[in-house]
Amino acid sequence: MYLGVFPTAIAFTTWAYALSLIDAGKLAATTYLVPGTTILISWLVLSEVPAVLGLVGGAVCLVGVGLTRRRSRKGRYIQ
């Protein structure tokens, strides 16, 4: 019960505070930093070495997100 209540309360309170300072769209983009930060912290604190295949998969996912979020060129699509 502790793990369900307190981390959730901290996360939602932090998210609400951040939303009061930054636009939701810009703040949502920062969630892409969470997996990389988690891997880095687990590597430094717990000495868990990430698997190469996991890093490659993460990179593929981030490249995919980057491709879908880029702005389209004018006149690229016929309307």
PDB file of N, CA and C in Angstrom:
ATOM      1  N   MET A   1       0.827  -1.182   0.000  1.00  0.00           N
ATOM      2  CA  MET A   1       0.000   0.000   0.000  1.00  0.00           C
ATOM      3  C   MET A   1       0.882   1.261   0.000  1.00  0.00           C
ATOM      4  N   TYR A   2       1.964   1.206   0.744  1.00  0.00           N
ATOM      5  CA  TYR A   2       2.878   2.349   0.808  1.00  0.00           C
ATOM      6  C   TYR A   2       3.397   2.697  -0.582  1.00  0.00           C
ATOM      7  N   LEU A   3       3.826   1.681  -1.336  1.00  0.00           N
ATOM      8  CA  LEU A   3       4.388   1.922  -2.657  1.00  0.00           C
ATOM      9  C   LEU A   3       3.343   2.419  -3.645  1.00  0.00           C
ATOM     10  N   GLY A   4       2.092   2.096  -3.405  1.00  0.00           N
ATOM     11  CA  GLY A   4       1.038   2.579  -4.284  1.00  0.00           C
ATOM     12  C   GLY A   4       0.623   4.008  -3.983  1.00  0.00           C
ATOM     13  N   VAL A   5       0.687   4.389  -2.728  1.00  0.00           N
ATOM     14  CA  VAL A   5       0.185   5.707  -2.325  1.00  0.00           C
ATOM     15  C   VAL A   5       1.265   6.787  -2.407  1.00  0.00           C
ATOM     16  N   PHE A   6       2.376   6.605  -1.757  1.00  0.00           N
ATOM     17  CA  PHE A   6       3.347   7.688  -1.626  1.00  0.00           C
ATOM     18  C   PHE A   6       4.082   8.026  -2.924  1.00  0.00           C
ATOM     19  N   PRO A   7       4.612   7.052  -3.653  1.00  0.00           N
ATOM     20  CA  PRO A   7       5.249   7.443  -4.917  1.00  0.00           C
ATOM     21  C   PRO A   7       4.256   8.068  -5.901  1.00  0.00           C
ATOM     22  N   THR A   8       3.026   7.575  -5.906  1.00  0.00           N
ATOM     23  CA  THR A   8       2.008   8.147  -6.783  1.00  0.00           C
ATOM     24  C   THR A   8       1.694   9.577  -6.380  1.00  0.00           C
ATOM     25  N   ALA A   9       1.559   9.821  -5.088  1.00  0.00           N
ATOM     26  CA  ALA A   9       1.270  11.168  -4.607  1.00  0.00           C
ATOM     27  C   ALA A   9       2.417  12.127  -4.934  1.00  0.00           C
ATOM     28  N   ILE A  10       3.634  11.657  -4.755  1.00  0.00           N
ATOM     29  CA  ILE A  10       4.789  12.500  -5.074  1.00  0.00           C
ATOM     30  C   ILE A  10       4.834  12.796  -6.571  1.00  0.00           C
ATOM     31  N   ALA A  11       4.587  11.766  -7.393  1.00  0.00           N
ATOM     32  CA  ALA A  11       4.641  11.949  -8.843  1.00  0.00           C
ATOM     33  C   ALA A  11       3.569  12.923  -9.320  1.00  0.00           C
ATOM     34  N   PHE A  12       2.335  12.764  -8.854  1.00  0.00           N
ATOM     35  CA  PHE A  12       1.272  13.658  -9.302  1.00  0.00           C
ATOM     36  C   PHE A  12       1.445  15.077  -8.780  1.00  0.00           C
ATOM     37  N   THR A  13       1.946  15.222  -7.575  1.00  0.00           N
ATOM     38  CA  THR A  13       2.189  16.552  -7.033  1.00  0.00           C
ATOM     39  C   THR A  13       3.302  17.251  -7.817  1.00  0.00           C
ATOM     40  N   THR A  14       4.363  16.519  -8.118  1.00  0.00           N
ATOM     41  CA  THR A  14       5.455  17.088  -8.909  1.00  0.00           C
ATOM     42  C   THR A  14       4.980  17.454 -10.302  1.00  0.00           C
ATOM     43  N   TRP A  15       4.168  16.580 -10.916  1.00  0.00           N
ATOM     44  CA  TRP A  15       3.640  16.838 -12.259  1.00  0.00           C
ATOM     45  C   TRP A  15       2.745  18.080 -12.255  1.00  0.00           C
ATOM     46  N   ALA A  16       1.889  18.206 -11.254  1.00  0.00           N
ATOM     47  CA  ALA A  16       0.999  19.371 -11.172  1.00  0.00           C
ATOM     48  C   ALA A  16       1.802  20.658 -10.985  1.00  0.00           C
ATOM     49  N   TYR A  17       2.834  20.605 -10.161  1.00  0.00           N
ATOM     50  CA  TYR A  17       3.678  21.784  -9.959  1.00  0.00           C
ATOM     51  C   TYR A  17       4.384  22.162 -11.256  1.00  0.00           C
ATOM     52  N   ALA A  18       4.921  21.169 -11.948  1.00  0.00           N
ATOM     53  CA  ALA A  18       5.615  21.450 -13.211  1.00  0.00           C
ATOM     54  C   ALA A  18       4.654  22.008 -14.251  1.00  0.00           C
ATOM     55  N   LEU A  19       3.409  21.513 -14.262  1.00  0.00           N
ATOM     56  CA  LEU A  19       2.412  22.034 -15.199  1.00  0.00           C
ATOM     57  C   LEU A  19       2.069  23.492 -14.919  1.00  0.00           C
ATOM     58  N   SER A  20       2.213  23.898 -13.687  1.00  0.00           N
ATOM     59  CA  SER A  20       1.934  25.296 -13.366  1.00  0.00           C
ATOM     60  C   SER A  20       3.040  26.220 -13.887  1.00  0.00           C
ATOM     61  N   LEU A  21       4.199  25.646 -14.216  1.00  0.00           N
ATOM     62  CA  LEU A  21       5.330  26.441 -14.688  1.00  0.00           C
ATOM     63  C   LEU A  21       5.572  26.354 -16.190  1.00  0.00           C
ATOM     64  N   ILE A  22       5.210  25.222 -16.797  1.00  0.00           N
ATOM     65  CA  ILE A  22       5.552  24.953 -18.194  1.00  0.00           C
ATOM     66  C   ILE A  22       4.295  24.505 -18.940  1.00  0.00           C
ATOM     67  N   ASP A  23       4.238  24.772 -20.241  1.00  0.00           N
ATOM     68  CA  ASP A  23       3.129  24.290 -21.063  1.00  0.00           C
ATOM     69  C   ASP A  23       3.107  22.766 -21.062  1.00  0.00           C
ATOM     70  N   ALA A  24       1.911  22.207 -21.181  1.00  0.00           N
ATOM     71  CA  ALA A  24       1.746  20.759 -21.132  1.00  0.00           C
ATOM     72  C   ALA A  24       2.489  20.052 -22.264  1.00  0.00           C
ATOM     73  N   GLY A  25       2.486  20.630 -23.453  1.00  0.00           N
ATOM     74  CA  GLY A  25       3.175  20.005 -24.580  1.00  0.00           C
ATOM     75  C   GLY A  25       4.671  19.902 -24.374  1.00  0.00           C
ATOM     76  N   LYS A  26       5.264  20.959 -23.877  1.00  0.00           N
ATOM     77  CA  LYS A  26       6.707  20.948 -23.610  1.00  0.00           C
ATOM     78  C   LYS A  26       7.045  20.008 -22.458  1.00  0.00           C
ATOM     79  N   LEU A  27       6.188  19.996 -21.449  1.00  0.00           N
ATOM     80  CA  LEU A  27       6.433  19.132 -20.303  1.00  0.00           C
ATOM     81  C   LEU A  27       6.281  17.661 -20.681  1.00  0.00           C
ATOM     82  N   ALA A  28       5.320  17.353 -21.538  1.00  0.00           N
ATOM     83  CA  ALA A  28       5.123  15.970 -21.956  1.00  0.00           C
ATOM     84  C   ALA A  28       6.340  15.455 -22.711  1.00  0.00           C
ATOM     85  N   ALA A  29       7.006  16.322 -23.439  1.00  0.00           N
ATOM     86  CA  ALA A  29       8.199  15.908 -24.178  1.00  0.00           C
ATOM     87  C   ALA A  29       9.324  15.481 -23.238  1.00  0.00           C
ATOM     88  N   THR A  30       9.337  15.991 -22.021  1.00  0.00           N
ATOM     89  CA  THR A  30      10.392  15.614 -21.082  1.00  0.00           C
ATOM     90  C   THR A  30      10.241  14.185 -20.592  1.00  0.00           C
ATOM     91  N   THR A  31       9.065  13.577 -20.783  1.00  0.00           N
ATOM     92  CA  THR A  31       8.892  12.189 -20.347  1.00  0.00           C
ATOM     93  C   THR A  31       9.743  11.235 -21.161  1.00  0.00           C
ATOM     94  N   TYR A  32      10.229  11.672 -22.327  1.00  0.00           N
ATOM     95  CA  TYR A  32      11.119  10.831 -23.118  1.00  0.00           C
ATOM     96  C   TYR A  32      12.482  10.685 -22.449  1.00  0.00           C
ATOM     97  N   LEU A  33      12.788  11.517 -21.492  1.00  0.00           N
ATOM     98  CA  LEU A  33      14.063  11.426 -20.771  1.00  0.00           C
ATOM     99  C   LEU A  33      14.037  10.379 -19.663  1.00  0.00           C
ATOM    100  N   VAL A  34      12.861   9.933 -19.264  1.00  0.00           N
ATOM    101  CA  VAL A  34      12.740   9.029 -18.116  1.00  0.00           C
ATOM    102  C   VAL A  34      13.462   7.697 -18.333  1.00  0.00           C
ATOM    103  N   PRO A  35      13.265   6.984 -19.451  1.00  0.00           N
ATOM    104  CA  PRO A  35      13.968   5.698 -19.591  1.00  0.00           C
ATOM    105  C   PRO A  35      15.486   5.831 -19.571  1.00  0.00           C
ATOM    106  N   GLY A  36      16.009   6.822 -20.264  1.00  0.00           N
ATOM    107  CA  GLY A  36      17.459   7.013 -20.268  1.00  0.00           C
ATOM    108  C   GLY A  36      18.004   7.364 -18.898  1.00  0.00           C
ATOM    109  N   THR A  37      17.284   8.200 -18.189  1.00  0.00           N
ATOM    110  CA  THR A  37      17.690   8.573 -16.829  1.00  0.00           C
ATOM    111  C   THR A  37      17.652   7.362 -15.905  1.00  0.00           C
ATOM    112  N   THR A  38      16.634   6.540 -16.067  1.00  0.00           N
ATOM    113  CA  THR A  38      16.508   5.334 -15.245  1.00  0.00           C
ATOM    114  C   THR A  38      17.660   4.382 -15.496  1.00  0.00           C
ATOM    115  N   ILE A  39      18.010   4.194 -16.758  1.00  0.00           N
ATOM    116  CA  ILE A  39      19.140   3.315 -17.092  1.00  0.00           C
ATOM    117  C   ILE A  39      20.433   3.862 -16.499  1.00  0.00           C
ATOM    118  N   LEU A  40      20.634   5.161 -16.627  1.00  0.00           N
ATOM    119  CA  LEU A  40      21.855   5.775 -16.102  1.00  0.00           C
ATOM    120  C   LEU A  40      21.942   5.646 -14.580  1.00  0.00           C
ATOM    121  N   ILE A  41      20.841   5.909 -13.893  1.00  0.00           N
ATOM    122  CA  ILE A  41      20.844   5.808 -12.427  1.00  0.00           C
ATOM    123  C   ILE A  41      21.066   4.373 -11.980  1.00  0.00           C
ATOM    124  N   SER A  42      20.404   3.411 -12.641  1.00  0.00           N
ATOM    125  CA  SER A  42      20.594   2.004 -12.244  1.00  0.00           C
ATOM    126  C   SER A  42      22.017   1.543 -12.528  1.00  0.00           C
ATOM    127  N   TRP A  43      22.621   2.097 -13.577  1.00  0.00           N
ATOM    128  CA  TRP A  43      24.004   1.755 -13.896  1.00  0.00           C
ATOM    129  C   TRP A  43      24.951   2.311 -12.827  1.00  0.00           C
ATOM    130  N   LEU A  44      24.730   3.560 -12.424  1.00  0.00           N
ATOM    131  CA  LEU A  44      25.623   4.196 -11.455  1.00  0.00           C
ATOM    132  C   LEU A  44      25.396   3.716 -10.027  1.00  0.00           C
ATOM    133  N   VAL A  45      24.132   3.601  -9.627  1.00  0.00           N
ATOM    134  CA  VAL A  45      23.825   3.290  -8.229  1.00  0.00           C
ATOM    135  C   VAL A  45      23.832   1.789  -7.958  1.00  0.00           C
ATOM    136  N   LEU A  46      23.226   1.002  -8.856  1.00  0.00           N
ATOM    137  CA  LEU A  46      23.074  -0.429  -8.617  1.00  0.00           C
ATOM    138  C   LEU A  46      24.074  -1.296  -9.366  1.00  0.00           C
ATOM    139  N   SER A  47      24.925  -0.664 -10.165  1.00  0.00           N
ATOM    140  CA  SER A  47      25.923  -1.376 -10.980  1.00  0.00           C
ATOM    141  C   SER A  47      25.285  -2.371 -11.948  1.00  0.00           C
ATOM    142  N   GLU A  48      24.076  -2.063 -12.422  1.00  0.00           N
ATOM    143  CA  GLU A  48      23.411  -2.900 -13.421  1.00  0.00           C
ATOM    144  C   GLU A  48      23.864  -2.444 -14.804  1.00  0.00           C
ATOM    145  N   VAL A  49      24.553  -3.307 -15.499  1.00  0.00           N
ATOM    146  CA  VAL A  49      25.043  -2.976 -16.834  1.00  0.00           C
ATOM    147  C   VAL A  49      23.922  -3.243 -17.835  1.00  0.00           C
ATOM    148  N   PRO A  50      23.524  -2.233 -18.606  1.00  0.00           N
ATOM    149  CA  PRO A  50      22.439  -2.433 -19.569  1.00  0.00           C
ATOM    150  C   PRO A  50      22.886  -3.347 -20.712  1.00  0.00           C
ATOM    151  N   ALA A  51      21.956  -4.168 -21.172  1.00  0.00           N
ATOM    152  CA  ALA A  51      22.252  -5.071 -22.289  1.00  0.00           C
ATOM    153  C   ALA A  51      22.354  -4.269 -23.580  1.00  0.00           C
ATOM    154  N   VAL A  52      23.228  -4.692 -24.460  1.00  0.00           N
ATOM    155  CA  VAL A  52      23.429  -3.992 -25.731  1.00  0.00           C
ATOM    156  C   VAL A  52      22.134  -3.985 -26.531  1.00  0.00           C
ATOM    157  N   LEU A  53      21.440  -5.118 -26.559  1.00  0.00           N
ATOM    158  CA  LEU A  53      20.192  -5.198 -27.303  1.00  0.00           C
ATOM    159  C   LEU A  53      19.136  -4.247 -26.727  1.00  0.00           C
ATOM    160  N   GLY A  54      19.133  -4.071 -25.429  1.00  0.00           N
ATOM    161  CA  GLY A  54      18.221  -3.118 -24.806  1.00  0.00           C
ATOM    162  C   GLY A  54      18.537  -1.683 -25.193  1.00  0.00           C
ATOM    163  N   LEU A  55      19.816  -1.350 -25.245  1.00  0.00           N
ATOM    164  CA  LEU A  55      20.217  -0.006 -25.663  1.00  0.00           C
ATOM    165  C   LEU A  55      19.883   0.247 -27.126  1.00  0.00           C
ATOM    166  N   VAL A  56      20.086  -0.765 -27.963  1.00  0.00           N
ATOM    167  CA  VAL A  56      19.737  -0.630 -29.386  1.00  0.00           C
ATOM    168  C   VAL A  56      18.237  -0.456 -29.547  1.00  0.00           C
ATOM    169  N   GLY A  57      17.453  -1.228 -28.818  1.00  0.00           N
ATOM    170  CA  GLY A  57      15.996  -1.096 -28.875  1.00  0.00           C
ATOM    171  C   GLY A  57      15.535   0.273 -28.416  1.00  0.00           C
ATOM    172  N   GLY A  58      16.135   0.782 -27.360  1.00  0.00           N
ATOM    173  CA  GLY A  58      15.793   2.116 -26.884  1.00  0.00           C
ATOM    174  C   GLY A  58      16.139   3.189 -27.897  1.00  0.00           C
ATOM    175  N   ALA A  59      17.283   3.031 -28.543  1.00  0.00           N
ATOM    176  CA  ALA A  59      17.692   3.998 -29.566  1.00  0.00           C
ATOM    177  C   ALA A  59      16.736   3.970 -30.752  1.00  0.00           C
ATOM    178  N   VAL A  60      16.309   2.769 -31.154  1.00  0.00           N
ATOM    179  CA  VAL A  60      15.345   2.650 -32.258  1.00  0.00           C
ATOM    180  C   VAL A  60      14.040   3.339 -31.893  1.00  0.00           C
ATOM    181  N   CYS A  61      13.592   3.162 -30.663  1.00  0.00           N
ATOM    182  CA  CYS A  61      12.348   3.816 -30.213  1.00  0.00           C
ATOM    183  C   CYS A  61      12.486   5.336 -30.232  1.00  0.00           C
ATOM    184  N   LEU A  62      13.601   5.851 -29.748  1.00  0.00           N
ATOM    185  CA  LEU A  62      13.798   7.297 -29.730  1.00  0.00           C
ATOM    186  C   LEU A  62      13.915   7.880 -31.130  1.00  0.00           C
ATOM    187  N   VAL A  63      14.561   7.154 -32.029  1.00  0.00           N
ATOM    188  CA  VAL A  63      14.636   7.618 -33.416  1.00  0.00           C
ATOM    189  C   VAL A  63      13.240   7.635 -34.035  1.00  0.00           C
ATOM    190  N   GLY A  64      12.448   6.620 -33.746  1.00  0.00           N
ATOM    191  CA  GLY A  64      11.071   6.589 -34.244  1.00  0.00           C
ATOM    192  C   GLY A  64      10.245   7.755 -33.736  1.00  0.00           C
ATOM    193  N   VAL A  65      10.387   8.066 -32.469  1.00  0.00           N
ATOM    194  CA  VAL A  65       9.678   9.221 -31.906  1.00  0.00           C
ATOM    195  C   VAL A  65      10.159  10.503 -32.569  1.00  0.00           C
ATOM    196  N   GLY A  66      11.456  10.622 -32.747  1.00  0.00           N
ATOM    197  CA  GLY A  66      12.003  11.811 -33.391  1.00  0.00           C
ATOM    198  C   GLY A  66      11.488  11.982 -34.811  1.00  0.00           C
ATOM    199  N   LEU A  67      11.379  10.885 -35.541  1.00  0.00           N
ATOM    200  CA  LEU A  67      10.876  10.961 -36.912  1.00  0.00           C
ATOM    201  C   LEU A  67       9.407  11.364 -36.960  1.00  0.00           C
ATOM    202  N   THR A  68       8.622  10.855 -36.035  1.00  0.00           N
ATOM    203  CA  THR A  68       7.198  11.190 -36.053  1.00  0.00           C
ATOM    204  C   THR A  68       6.918  12.593 -35.531  1.00  0.00           C
ATOM    205  N   ARG A  69       7.806  13.143 -34.733  1.00  0.00           N
ATOM    206  CA  ARG A  69       7.567  14.462 -34.143  1.00  0.00           C
ATOM    207  C   ARG A  69       8.172  15.607 -34.944  1.00  0.00           C
ATOM    208  N   ARG A  70       8.943  15.309 -35.972  1.00  0.00           N
ATOM    209  CA  ARG A  70       9.549  16.397 -36.737  1.00  0.00           C
ATOM    210  C   ARG A  70       8.490  17.118 -37.557  1.00  0.00           C
ATOM    211  N   ARG A  71       8.761  18.353 -37.828  1.00  0.00           N
ATOM    212  CA  ARG A  71       7.814  19.183 -38.582  1.00  0.00           C
ATOM    213  C   ARG A  71       7.898  18.832 -40.059  1.00  0.00           C
ATOM    214  N   SER A  72       6.739  18.835 -40.697  1.00  0.00           N
ATOM    215  CA  SER A  72       6.723  18.534 -42.123  1.00  0.00           C
ATOM    216  C   SER A  72       7.086  19.777 -42.920  1.00  0.00           C
ATOM    217  N   ARG A  73       7.613  19.571 -44.113  1.00  0.00           N
ATOM    218  CA  ARG A  73       7.965  20.680 -44.986  1.00  0.00           C
ATOM    219  C   ARG A  73       6.718  21.200 -45.670  1.00  0.00           C
ATOM    220  N   LYS A  74       6.722  22.495 -45.976  1.00  0.00           N
ATOM    221  CA  LYS A  74       5.587  23.084 -46.683  1.00  0.00           C
ATOM    222  C   LYS A  74       5.510  22.491 -48.077  1.00  0.00           C
ATOM    223  N   GLY A  75       4.299  22.197 -48.508  1.00  0.00           N
ATOM    224  CA  GLY A  75       4.103  21.665 -49.851  1.00  0.00           C
ATOM    225  C   GLY A  75       4.457  20.192 -49.967  1.00  0.00           C
ATOM    226  N   ARG A  76       4.714  19.561 -48.884  1.00  0.00           N
ATOM    227  CA  ARG A  76       5.089  18.148 -48.922  1.00  0.00           C
ATOM    228  C   ARG A  76       3.890  17.280 -49.281  1.00  0.00           C
ATOM    229  N   TYR A  77       2.735  17.651 -48.767  1.00  0.00           N
ATOM    230  CA  TYR A  77       1.530  16.875 -49.025  1.00  0.00           C
ATOM    231  C   TYR A  77       0.577  17.678 -49.902  1.00  0.00           C
ATOM    232  N   ILE A  78      -0.020  17.030 -50.828  1.00  0.00           N
ATOM    233  CA  ILE A  78      -1.012  17.680 -51.695  1.00  0.00           C
ATOM    234  C   ILE A  78      -2.355  17.634 -51.002  1.00  0.00           C
ATOM    235  N   GLN A  79      -2.978  18.791 -50.868  1.00  0.00           N
ATOM    236  CA  GLN A  79      -4.261  18.845 -50.169  1.00  0.00           C
ATOM    237  C   GLN A  79      -5.393  19.076 -51.097  1.00  0.00           C
TER     238      GLN A  79
END
